[in-house]
Amino acid sequence: MKYTIEERRDIGRRVCNHETTIKEASVSFGVSVSAIVMTTIAST
């Protein structure tokens, strides 16, 4: 499933705010760990 830019930023914010871990976000949203890391970097 593709996520919009806003949805990807929200995932990154959750990781930055320590609401979830990168691994948990990867499993929950069905995306790769590298995608989470890139989104987290972009959302800061």
C-alpha atoms as a PDB file:
ATOM      1  CA  MET A   1       0.000   0.000   0.000  1.00  0.00           C
ATOM      2  CA  LYS A   2       1.267   3.456  -0.825  1.00  0.00           C
ATOM      3  CA  TYR A   3       1.006   6.196   1.751  1.00  0.00           C
ATOM      4  CA  THR A   4       0.585   9.907   1.101  1.00  0.00           C
ATOM      5  CA  ILE A   5       3.319  12.344   2.076  1.00  0.00           C
ATOM      6  CA  GLU A   6       1.305  13.390   5.136  1.00  0.00           C
ATOM      7  CA  GLU A   7       0.864   9.779   6.237  1.00  0.00           C
ATOM      8  CA  ARG A   8       4.578   9.069   5.814  1.00  0.00           C
ATOM      9  CA  ARG A   9       5.451  12.170   7.821  1.00  0.00           C
ATOM     10  CA  ASP A  10       3.077  11.044  10.559  1.00  0.00           C
ATOM     11  CA  ILE A  11       4.856   7.685  10.723  1.00  0.00           C
ATOM     12  CA  GLY A  12       8.197   9.511  10.959  1.00  0.00           C
ATOM     13  CA  ARG A  13       6.875  11.773  13.715  1.00  0.00           C
ATOM     14  CA  ARG A  14       5.701   8.771  15.732  1.00  0.00           C
ATOM     15  CA  VAL A  15       9.193   7.312  15.585  1.00  0.00           C
ATOM     16  CA  CYS A  16      10.842  10.663  16.439  1.00  0.00           C
ATOM     17  CA  ASN A  17       8.476  11.173  19.373  1.00  0.00           C
ATOM     18  CA  HIS A  18       9.260   7.656  20.635  1.00  0.00           C
ATOM     19  CA  GLU A  19       5.622   6.601  20.305  1.00  0.00           C
ATOM     20  CA  THR A  20       6.821   3.546  18.377  1.00  0.00           C
ATOM     21  CA  THR A  21      10.110   1.966  17.338  1.00  0.00           C
ATOM     22  CA  ILE A  22      11.360   1.755  13.780  1.00  0.00           C
ATOM     23  CA  LYS A  23      10.851  -2.004  13.778  1.00  0.00           C
ATOM     24  CA  GLU A  24       7.295  -1.751  15.159  1.00  0.00           C
ATOM     25  CA  ALA A  25       6.402   0.909  12.580  1.00  0.00           C
ATOM     26  CA  SER A  26       7.832  -1.234   9.803  1.00  0.00           C
ATOM     27  CA  VAL A  27       5.679  -4.202  10.794  1.00  0.00           C
ATOM     28  CA  SER A  28       2.551  -2.156  11.540  1.00  0.00           C
ATOM     29  CA  PHE A  29       2.583  -0.163   8.321  1.00  0.00           C
ATOM     30  CA  GLY A  30       4.054  -2.850   6.070  1.00  0.00           C
ATOM     31  CA  VAL A  31       7.010  -0.817   4.867  1.00  0.00           C
ATOM     32  CA  SER A  32      10.747  -1.438   4.980  1.00  0.00           C
ATOM     33  CA  VAL A  33      12.957  -0.278   7.807  1.00  0.00           C
ATOM     34  CA  SER A  34      14.943   1.893   5.377  1.00  0.00           C
ATOM     35  CA  ALA A  35      11.735   3.662   4.296  1.00  0.00           C
ATOM     36  CA  ILE A  36      10.963   4.432   7.950  1.00  0.00           C
ATOM     37  CA  VAL A  37      14.478   5.764   8.512  1.00  0.00           C
ATOM     38  CA  MET A  38      14.295   8.002   5.432  1.00  0.00           C
ATOM     39  CA  THR A  39      10.864   9.300   6.442  1.00  0.00           C
ATOM     40  CA  THR A  40      12.081   9.960   9.975  1.00  0.00           C
ATOM     41  CA  ILE A  41      15.038  11.933   8.672  1.00  0.00           C
ATOM     42  CA  ALA A  42      12.829  13.910   6.287  1.00  0.00           C
ATOM     43  CA  SER A  43      10.274  14.771   8.978  1.00  0.00           C
ATOM     44  CA  THR A  44      12.791  16.365  11.342  1.00  0.00           C
END
